[in-house]
Amino acid sequence: MGQSLKQDLASGALGEGWNGLVVPRDSSASGRAQAINAKRLKIYQKRANETGQSVQVVGSIYAKEIYERARRGTWFLSKSNVWSQKP
């Protein structure tokens, strides 16, 4: 309880998905992932409404930005459901 997203990503409890949502890598982080994703989806929906894009397209655009800003060692889940760490 009380762990930040940065801590969860650094520990590997959470990873980032290809769709711009966090993915639990540890079952203890499932609740935190749901809370974070609810906030992200609100942002994605707002942006989708502004641009006329789907939430999925907006999420994938954010996913690319998240990858660029992520720290080395952050886990990422590909569209083909394969985990890898950012070099």
PDB file of N, CA and C in Angstrom:
ATOM      1  N   MET A   1       0.837  -1.190   0.000  1.00  0.00           N
ATOM      2  CA  MET A   1       0.000   0.000   0.000  1.00  0.00           C
ATOM      3  C   MET A   1       0.879   1.249   0.000  1.00  0.00           C
ATOM      4  N   GLY A   2       0.476   2.225  -0.754  1.00  0.00           N
ATOM      5  CA  GLY A   2       1.197   3.479  -0.740  1.00  0.00           C
ATOM      6  C   GLY A   2       2.366   3.540  -1.709  1.00  0.00           C
ATOM      7  N   GLN A   3       2.609   2.451  -2.439  1.00  0.00           N
ATOM      8  CA  GLN A   3       3.700   2.500  -3.405  1.00  0.00           C
ATOM      9  C   GLN A   3       3.302   3.390  -4.568  1.00  0.00           C
ATOM     10  N   SER A   4       4.278   4.066  -5.104  1.00  0.00           N
ATOM     11  CA  SER A   4       4.014   4.925  -6.248  1.00  0.00           C
ATOM     12  C   SER A   4       4.165   4.116  -7.540  1.00  0.00           C
ATOM     13  N   LEU A   5       3.666   4.680  -8.617  1.00  0.00           N
ATOM     14  CA  LEU A   5       3.809   4.036  -9.918  1.00  0.00           C
ATOM     15  C   LEU A   5       5.287   3.813 -10.236  1.00  0.00           C
ATOM     16  N   LYS A   6       6.112   4.818  -9.960  1.00  0.00           N
ATOM     17  CA  LYS A   6       7.550   4.684 -10.239  1.00  0.00           C
ATOM     18  C   LYS A   6       8.147   3.504  -9.481  1.00  0.00           C
ATOM     19  N   GLN A   7       7.764   3.355  -8.224  1.00  0.00           N
ATOM     20  CA  GLN A   7       8.278   2.242  -7.423  1.00  0.00           C
ATOM     21  C   GLN A   7       7.802   0.901  -7.971  1.00  0.00           C
ATOM     22  N   ASP A   8       6.529   0.835  -8.348  1.00  0.00           N
ATOM     23  CA  ASP A   8       5.985  -0.405  -8.898  1.00  0.00           C
ATOM     24  C   ASP A   8       6.642  -0.773 -10.223  1.00  0.00           C
ATOM     25  N   LEU A   9       6.910   0.226 -11.051  1.00  0.00           N
ATOM     26  CA  LEU A   9       7.586  -0.041 -12.316  1.00  0.00           C
ATOM     27  C   LEU A   9       9.028  -0.463 -12.076  1.00  0.00           C
ATOM     28  N   ALA A  10       9.704   0.206 -11.148  1.00  0.00           N
ATOM     29  CA  ALA A  10      11.102  -0.120 -10.841  1.00  0.00           C
ATOM     30  C   ALA A  10      11.246  -1.519 -10.257  1.00  0.00           C
ATOM     31  N   SER A  11      10.278  -1.924  -9.448  1.00  0.00           N
ATOM     32  CA  SER A  11      10.347  -3.246  -8.823  1.00  0.00           C
ATOM     33  C   SER A  11       9.901  -4.354  -9.773  1.00  0.00           C
ATOM     34  N   GLY A  12       9.226  -3.978 -10.857  1.00  0.00           N
ATOM     35  CA  GLY A  12       8.711  -4.965 -11.791  1.00  0.00           C
ATOM     36  C   GLY A  12       7.323  -5.474 -11.430  1.00  0.00           C
ATOM     37  N   ALA A  13       6.719  -4.932 -10.374  1.00  0.00           N
ATOM     38  CA  ALA A  13       5.368  -5.345  -9.992  1.00  0.00           C
ATOM     39  C   ALA A  13       4.358  -4.933 -11.059  1.00  0.00           C
ATOM     40  N   LEU A  14       4.636  -3.810 -11.720  1.00  0.00           N
ATOM     41  CA  LEU A  14       3.814  -3.337 -12.832  1.00  0.00           C
ATOM     42  C   LEU A  14       4.700  -3.154 -14.053  1.00  0.00           C
ATOM     43  N   GLY A  15       4.104  -3.334 -15.211  1.00  0.00           N
ATOM     44  CA  GLY A  15       4.760  -3.037 -16.465  1.00  0.00           C
ATOM     45  C   GLY A  15       3.836  -2.163 -17.287  1.00  0.00           C
ATOM     46  N   GLU A  16       4.334  -1.692 -18.393  1.00  0.00           N
ATOM     47  CA  GLU A  16       3.549  -0.853 -19.297  1.00  0.00           C
ATOM     48  C   GLU A  16       3.094  -1.688 -20.486  1.00  0.00           C
ATOM     49  N   GLY A  17       1.862  -1.481 -20.898  1.00  0.00           N
ATOM     50  CA  GLY A  17       1.319  -2.216 -22.032  1.00  0.00           C
ATOM     51  C   GLY A  17       1.393  -1.427 -23.318  1.00  0.00           C
ATOM     52  N   TRP A  18       1.285  -2.128 -24.440  1.00  0.00           N
ATOM     53  CA  TRP A  18       1.327  -1.520 -25.766  1.00  0.00           C
ATOM     54  C   TRP A  18       0.166  -0.569 -25.997  1.00  0.00           C
ATOM     55  N   ASN A  19      -0.866  -0.673 -25.142  1.00  0.00           N
ATOM     56  CA  ASN A  19      -2.086   0.126 -25.303  1.00  0.00           C
ATOM     57  C   ASN A  19      -2.128   1.355 -24.399  1.00  0.00           C
ATOM     58  N   GLY A  20      -1.022   1.626 -23.708  1.00  0.00           N
ATOM     59  CA  GLY A  20      -0.975   2.797 -22.841  1.00  0.00           C
ATOM     60  C   GLY A  20      -1.496   2.559 -21.441  1.00  0.00           C
ATOM     61  N   LEU A  21      -1.778   1.319 -21.110  1.00  0.00           N
ATOM     62  CA  LEU A  21      -2.260   0.979 -19.773  1.00  0.00           C
ATOM     63  C   LEU A  21      -1.194   0.178 -19.037  1.00  0.00           C
ATOM     64  N   VAL A  22      -1.205   0.270 -17.706  1.00  0.00           N
ATOM     65  CA  VAL A  22      -0.266  -0.528 -16.923  1.00  0.00           C
ATOM     66  C   VAL A  22      -0.817  -1.938 -16.785  1.00  0.00           C
ATOM     67  N   VAL A  23       0.108  -2.882 -16.663  1.00  0.00           N
ATOM     68  CA  VAL A  23      -0.246  -4.289 -16.562  1.00  0.00           C
ATOM     69  C   VAL A  23       0.421  -4.859 -15.316  1.00  0.00           C
ATOM     70  N   PRO A  24      -0.349  -5.508 -14.440  1.00  0.00           N
ATOM     71  CA  PRO A  24       0.278  -6.096 -13.263  1.00  0.00           C
ATOM     72  C   PRO A  24       1.139  -7.296 -13.645  1.00  0.00           C
ATOM     73  N   ARG A  25       2.352  -7.317 -13.144  1.00  0.00           N
ATOM     74  CA  ARG A  25       3.241  -8.472 -13.316  1.00  0.00           C
ATOM     75  C   ARG A  25       3.247  -9.293 -12.038  1.00  0.00           C
ATOM     76  N   ASP A  26       2.707  -8.717 -10.990  1.00  0.00           N
ATOM     77  CA  ASP A  26       2.601  -9.355  -9.678  1.00  0.00           C
ATOM     78  C   ASP A  26       1.148  -9.171  -9.240  1.00  0.00           C
ATOM     79  N   SER A  27       0.526 -10.225  -8.797  1.00  0.00           N
ATOM     80  CA  SER A  27      -0.898 -10.148  -8.448  1.00  0.00           C
ATOM     81  C   SER A  27      -1.177  -9.144  -7.333  1.00  0.00           C
ATOM     82  N   SER A  28      -0.197  -8.860  -6.517  1.00  0.00           N
ATOM     83  CA  SER A  28      -0.400  -7.887  -5.433  1.00  0.00           C
ATOM     84  C   SER A  28      -0.572  -6.463  -5.969  1.00  0.00           C
ATOM     85  N   ALA A  29      -0.215  -6.238  -7.222  1.00  0.00           N
ATOM     86  CA  ALA A  29      -0.310  -4.899  -7.799  1.00  0.00           C
ATOM     87  C   ALA A  29      -1.562  -4.712  -8.654  1.00  0.00           C
ATOM     88  N   SER A  30      -2.438  -5.698  -8.696  1.00  0.00           N
ATOM     89  CA  SER A  30      -3.632  -5.625  -9.550  1.00  0.00           C
ATOM     90  C   SER A  30      -4.531  -4.443  -9.205  1.00  0.00           C
ATOM     91  N   GLY A  31      -4.753  -4.203  -7.933  1.00  0.00           N
ATOM     92  CA  GLY A  31      -5.601  -3.086  -7.511  1.00  0.00           C
ATOM     93  C   GLY A  31      -5.014  -1.744  -7.905  1.00  0.00           C
ATOM     94  N   ARG A  32      -3.705  -1.611  -7.733  1.00  0.00           N
ATOM     95  CA  ARG A  32      -3.039  -0.358  -8.124  1.00  0.00           C
ATOM     96  C   ARG A  32      -3.115  -0.168  -9.634  1.00  0.00           C
ATOM     97  N   ALA A  33      -2.969  -1.252 -10.390  1.00  0.00           N
ATOM     98  CA  ALA A  33      -3.065  -1.163 -11.846  1.00  0.00           C
ATOM     99  C   ALA A  33      -4.454  -0.685 -12.259  1.00  0.00           C
ATOM    100  N   GLN A  34      -5.488  -1.208 -11.633  1.00  0.00           N
ATOM    101  CA  GLN A  34      -6.853  -0.805 -11.961  1.00  0.00           C
ATOM    102  C   GLN A  34      -7.067   0.681 -11.681  1.00  0.00           C
ATOM    103  N   ALA A  35      -6.559   1.158 -10.552  1.00  0.00           N
ATOM    104  CA  ALA A  35      -6.725   2.573 -10.189  1.00  0.00           C
ATOM    105  C   ALA A  35      -5.980   3.481 -11.171  1.00  0.00           C
ATOM    106  N   ILE A  36      -4.769   3.110 -11.527  1.00  0.00           N
ATOM    107  CA  ILE A  36      -3.970   3.901 -12.462  1.00  0.00           C
ATOM    108  C   ILE A  36      -4.633   3.910 -13.833  1.00  0.00           C
ATOM    109  N   ASN A  37      -5.087   2.738 -14.271  1.00  0.00           N
ATOM    110  CA  ASN A  37      -5.712   2.644 -15.590  1.00  0.00           C
ATOM    111  C   ASN A  37      -7.018   3.417 -15.667  1.00  0.00           C
ATOM    112  N   ALA A  38      -7.765   3.478 -14.578  1.00  0.00           N
ATOM    113  CA  ALA A  38      -9.005   4.266 -14.573  1.00  0.00           C
ATOM    114  C   ALA A  38      -8.682   5.740 -14.827  1.00  0.00           C
ATOM    115  N   LYS A  39      -7.624   6.235 -14.201  1.00  0.00           N
ATOM    116  CA  LYS A  39      -7.211   7.628 -14.406  1.00  0.00           C
ATOM    117  C   LYS A  39      -6.719   7.846 -15.836  1.00  0.00           C
ATOM    118  N   ARG A  40      -5.915   6.909 -16.328  1.00  0.00           N
ATOM    119  CA  ARG A  40      -5.400   7.045 -17.692  1.00  0.00           C
ATOM    120  C   ARG A  40      -6.540   7.018 -18.704  1.00  0.00           C
ATOM    121  N   LEU A  41      -7.499   6.126 -18.502  1.00  0.00           N
ATOM    122  CA  LEU A  41      -8.605   6.023 -19.454  1.00  0.00           C
ATOM    123  C   LEU A  41      -9.436   7.302 -19.509  1.00  0.00           C
ATOM    124  N   LYS A  42      -9.569   7.989 -18.387  1.00  0.00           N
ATOM    125  CA  LYS A  42     -10.268   9.279 -18.397  1.00  0.00           C
ATOM    126  C   LYS A  42      -9.525  10.278 -19.278  1.00  0.00           C
ATOM    127  N   ILE A  43      -8.213  10.299 -19.144  1.00  0.00           N
ATOM    128  CA  ILE A  43      -7.383  11.199 -19.957  1.00  0.00           C
ATOM    129  C   ILE A  43      -7.492  10.809 -21.430  1.00  0.00           C
ATOM    130  N   TYR A  44      -7.391   9.520 -21.717  1.00  0.00           N
ATOM    131  CA  TYR A  44      -7.458   9.054 -23.095  1.00  0.00           C
ATOM    132  C   TYR A  44      -8.826   9.367 -23.711  1.00  0.00           C
ATOM    133  N   GLN A  45      -9.885   9.196 -22.933  1.00  0.00           N
ATOM    134  CA  GLN A  45     -11.230   9.476 -23.443  1.00  0.00           C
ATOM    135  C   GLN A  45     -11.385  10.956 -23.762  1.00  0.00           C
ATOM    136  N   LYS A  46     -10.883  11.805 -22.873  1.00  0.00           N
ATOM    137  CA  LYS A  46     -10.961  13.251 -23.108  1.00  0.00           C
ATOM    138  C   LYS A  46     -10.220  13.617 -24.391  1.00  0.00           C
ATOM    139  N   ARG A  47      -9.020  13.074 -24.534  1.00  0.00           N
ATOM    140  CA  ARG A  47      -8.210  13.364 -25.726  1.00  0.00           C
ATOM    141  C   ARG A  47      -8.877  12.795 -26.984  1.00  0.00           C
ATOM    142  N   ALA A  48      -9.476  11.631 -26.883  1.00  0.00           N
ATOM    143  CA  ALA A  48     -10.175  11.028 -28.015  1.00  0.00           C
ATOM    144  C   ALA A  48     -11.342  11.901 -28.454  1.00  0.00           C
ATOM    145  N   ASN A  49     -12.071  12.426 -27.488  1.00  0.00           N
ATOM    146  CA  ASN A  49     -13.190  13.320 -27.802  1.00  0.00           C
ATOM    147  C   ASN A  49     -12.709  14.585 -28.506  1.00  0.00           C
ATOM    148  N   GLU A  50     -11.558  15.096 -28.086  1.00  0.00           N
ATOM    149  CA  GLU A  50     -11.010  16.324 -28.668  1.00  0.00           C
ATOM    150  C   GLU A  50     -10.495  16.122 -30.092  1.00  0.00           C
ATOM    151  N   THR A  51      -9.976  14.925 -30.367  1.00  0.00           N
ATOM    152  CA  THR A  51      -9.316  14.694 -31.651  1.00  0.00           C
ATOM    153  C   THR A  51     -10.136  13.867 -32.639  1.00  0.00           C
ATOM    154  N   GLY A  52     -11.213  13.269 -32.159  1.00  0.00           N
ATOM    155  CA  GLY A  52     -12.015  12.421 -33.029  1.00  0.00           C
ATOM    156  C   GLY A  52     -11.423  11.040 -33.255  1.00  0.00           C
ATOM    157  N   GLN A  53     -10.400  10.704 -32.473  1.00  0.00           N
ATOM    158  CA  GLN A  53      -9.780   9.380 -32.542  1.00  0.00           C
ATOM    159  C   GLN A  53     -10.468   8.448 -31.549  1.00  0.00           C
ATOM    160  N   SER A  54     -10.215   7.156 -31.684  1.00  0.00           N
ATOM    161  CA  SER A  54     -10.736   6.209 -30.697  1.00  0.00           C
ATOM    162  C   SER A  54      -9.837   6.229 -29.461  1.00  0.00           C
ATOM    163  N   VAL A  55     -10.366   5.749 -28.362  1.00  0.00           N
ATOM    164  CA  VAL A  55      -9.587   5.644 -27.122  1.00  0.00           C
ATOM    165  C   VAL A  55      -8.394   4.719 -27.348  1.00  0.00           C
ATOM    166  N   GLN A  56      -8.581   3.671 -28.138  1.00  0.00           N
ATOM    167  CA  GLN A  56      -7.492   2.729 -28.401  1.00  0.00           C
ATOM    168  C   GLN A  56      -6.349   3.398 -29.154  1.00  0.00           C
ATOM    169  N   VAL A  57      -6.677   4.226 -30.137  1.00  0.00           N
ATOM    170  CA  VAL A  57      -5.634   4.937 -30.899  1.00  0.00           C
ATOM    171  C   VAL A  57      -4.897   5.903 -29.982  1.00  0.00           C
ATOM    172  N   VAL A  58      -5.643   6.640 -29.179  1.00  0.00           N
ATOM    173  CA  VAL A  58      -5.018   7.590 -28.250  1.00  0.00           C
ATOM    174  C   VAL A  58      -4.120   6.836 -27.269  1.00  0.00           C
ATOM    175  N   GLY A  59      -4.586   5.719 -26.741  1.00  0.00           N
ATOM    176  CA  GLY A  59      -3.788   4.924 -25.812  1.00  0.00           C
ATOM    177  C   GLY A  59      -2.493   4.446 -26.433  1.00  0.00           C
ATOM    178  N   SER A  60      -2.546   4.006 -27.685  1.00  0.00           N
ATOM    179  CA  SER A  60      -1.323   3.528 -28.335  1.00  0.00           C
ATOM    180  C   SER A  60      -0.343   4.671 -28.595  1.00  0.00           C
ATOM    181  N   ILE A  61      -0.866   5.869 -28.855  1.00  0.00           N
ATOM    182  CA  ILE A  61       0.006   7.039 -29.018  1.00  0.00           C
ATOM    183  C   ILE A  61       0.684   7.370 -27.692  1.00  0.00           C
ATOM    184  N   TYR A  62      -0.088   7.363 -26.620  1.00  0.00           N
ATOM    185  CA  TYR A  62       0.494   7.608 -25.297  1.00  0.00           C
ATOM    186  C   TYR A  62       1.506   6.523 -24.936  1.00  0.00           C
ATOM    187  N   ALA A  63       1.241   5.284 -25.342  1.00  0.00           N
ATOM    188  CA  ALA A  63       2.162   4.180 -25.037  1.00  0.00           C
ATOM    189  C   ALA A  63       3.547   4.452 -25.611  1.00  0.00           C
ATOM    190  N   LYS A  64       3.605   5.004 -26.815  1.00  0.00           N
ATOM    191  CA  LYS A  64       4.896   5.335 -27.426  1.00  0.00           C
ATOM    192  C   LYS A  64       5.615   6.411 -26.610  1.00  0.00           C
ATOM    193  N   GLU A  65       4.858   7.404 -26.147  1.00  0.00           N
ATOM    194  CA  GLU A  65       5.455   8.458 -25.316  1.00  0.00           C
ATOM    195  C   GLU A  65       5.920   7.900 -23.976  1.00  0.00           C
ATOM    196  N   ILE A  66       5.124   7.013 -23.404  1.00  0.00           N
ATOM    197  CA  ILE A  66       5.488   6.386 -22.134  1.00  0.00           C
ATOM    198  C   ILE A  66       6.796   5.613 -22.305  1.00  0.00           C
ATOM    199  N   TYR A  67       6.914   4.879 -23.409  1.00  0.00           N
ATOM    200  CA  TYR A  67       8.137   4.116 -23.652  1.00  0.00           C
ATOM    201  C   TYR A  67       9.344   5.041 -23.741  1.00  0.00           C
ATOM    202  N   GLU A  68       9.198   6.133 -24.468  1.00  0.00           N
ATOM    203  CA  GLU A  68      10.312   7.069 -24.648  1.00  0.00           C
ATOM    204  C   GLU A  68      10.787   7.652 -23.317  1.00  0.00           C
ATOM    205  N   ARG A  69       9.847   7.911 -22.410  1.00  0.00           N
ATOM    206  CA  ARG A  69      10.186   8.535 -21.122  1.00  0.00           C
ATOM    207  C   ARG A  69      10.530   7.520 -20.033  1.00  0.00           C
ATOM    208  N   ALA A  70      10.283   6.256 -20.298  1.00  0.00           N
ATOM    209  CA  ALA A  70      10.488   5.227 -19.270  1.00  0.00           C
ATOM    210  C   ALA A  70      11.961   5.044 -18.943  1.00  0.00           C
ATOM    211  N   ARG A  71      12.175   4.649 -17.714  1.00  0.00           N
ATOM    212  CA  ARG A  71      13.538   4.366 -17.270  1.00  0.00           C
ATOM    213  C   ARG A  71      14.000   3.020 -17.823  1.00  0.00           C
ATOM    214  N   ARG A  72      15.294   2.904 -17.924  1.00  0.00           N
ATOM    215  CA  ARG A  72      15.906   1.644 -18.327  1.00  0.00           C
ATOM    216  C   ARG A  72      15.455   0.555 -17.356  1.00  0.00           C
ATOM    217  N   GLY A  73      15.141  -0.610 -17.883  1.00  0.00           N
ATOM    218  CA  GLY A  73      14.723  -1.733 -17.042  1.00  0.00           C
ATOM    219  C   GLY A  73      13.223  -1.853 -16.850  1.00  0.00           C
ATOM    220  N   THR A  74      12.461  -0.847 -17.300  1.00  0.00           N
ATOM    221  CA  THR A  74      11.009  -0.914 -17.188  1.00  0.00           C
ATOM    222  C   THR A  74      10.498  -2.038 -18.076  1.00  0.00           C
ATOM    223  N   TRP A  75       9.556  -2.808 -17.554  1.00  0.00           N
ATOM    224  CA  TRP A  75       8.964  -3.905 -18.313  1.00  0.00           C
ATOM    225  C   TRP A  75       7.863  -3.388 -19.224  1.00  0.00           C
ATOM    226  N   PHE A  76       7.828  -3.926 -20.460  1.00  0.00           N
ATOM    227  CA  PHE A  76       6.812  -3.586 -21.441  1.00  0.00           C
ATOM    228  C   PHE A  76       6.208  -4.859 -22.014  1.00  0.00           C
ATOM    229  N   LEU A  77       4.887  -4.835 -22.154  1.00  0.00           N
ATOM    230  CA  LEU A  77       4.162  -5.958 -22.742  1.00  0.00           C
ATOM    231  C   LEU A  77       3.785  -5.598 -24.167  1.00  0.00           C
ATOM    232  N   SER A  78       4.242  -6.410 -25.113  1.00  0.00           N
ATOM    233  CA  SER A  78       3.965  -6.141 -26.525  1.00  0.00           C
ATOM    234  C   SER A  78       2.550  -6.577 -26.897  1.00  0.00           C
ATOM    235  N   LYS A  79       2.134  -6.171 -28.068  1.00  0.00           N
ATOM    236  CA  LYS A  79       0.815  -6.544 -28.576  1.00  0.00           C
ATOM    237  C   LYS A  79       0.696  -8.059 -28.719  1.00  0.00           C
ATOM    238  N   SER A  80       1.824  -8.730 -28.923  1.00  0.00           N
ATOM    239  CA  SER A  80       1.841 -10.191 -29.049  1.00  0.00           C
ATOM    240  C   SER A  80       1.985 -10.882 -27.687  1.00  0.00           C
ATOM    241  N   ASN A  81       1.802 -10.103 -26.615  1.00  0.00           N
ATOM    242  CA  ASN A  81       1.786 -10.641 -25.244  1.00  0.00           C
ATOM    243  C   ASN A  81       3.163 -11.167 -24.775  1.00  0.00           C
ATOM    244  N   VAL A  82       4.220 -10.485 -25.207  1.00  0.00           N
ATOM    245  CA  VAL A  82       5.583 -10.850 -24.814  1.00  0.00           C
ATOM    246  C   VAL A  82       6.169  -9.734 -23.962  1.00  0.00           C
ATOM    247  N   TRP A  83       6.705 -10.091 -22.800  1.00  0.00           N
ATOM    248  CA  TRP A  83       7.341  -9.124 -21.912  1.00  0.00           C
ATOM    249  C   TRP A  83       8.786  -8.908 -22.313  1.00  0.00           C
ATOM    250  N   SER A  84       9.239  -7.666 -22.249  1.00  0.00           N
ATOM    251  CA  SER A  84      10.646  -7.336 -22.438  1.00  0.00           C
ATOM    252  C   SER A  84      10.964  -6.089 -21.608  1.00  0.00           C
ATOM    253  N   GLN A  85      12.233  -5.938 -21.288  1.00  0.00           N
ATOM    254  CA  GLN A  85      12.671  -4.764 -20.519  1.00  0.00           C
ATOM    255  C   GLN A  85      13.303  -3.756 -21.449  1.00  0.00           C
ATOM    256  N   LYS A  86      13.058  -2.482 -21.138  1.00  0.00           N
ATOM    257  CA  LYS A  86      13.684  -1.423 -21.918  1.00  0.00           C
ATOM    258  C   LYS A  86      15.181  -1.457 -21.661  1.00  0.00           C
ATOM    259  N   PRO A  87      15.944  -1.469 -22.730  1.00  0.00           N
ATOM    260  CA  PRO A  87      17.418  -1.508 -22.552  1.00  0.00           C
ATOM    261  C   PRO A  87      17.968  -0.202 -22.023  1.00  0.00           C
TER     262      PRO A  87
END
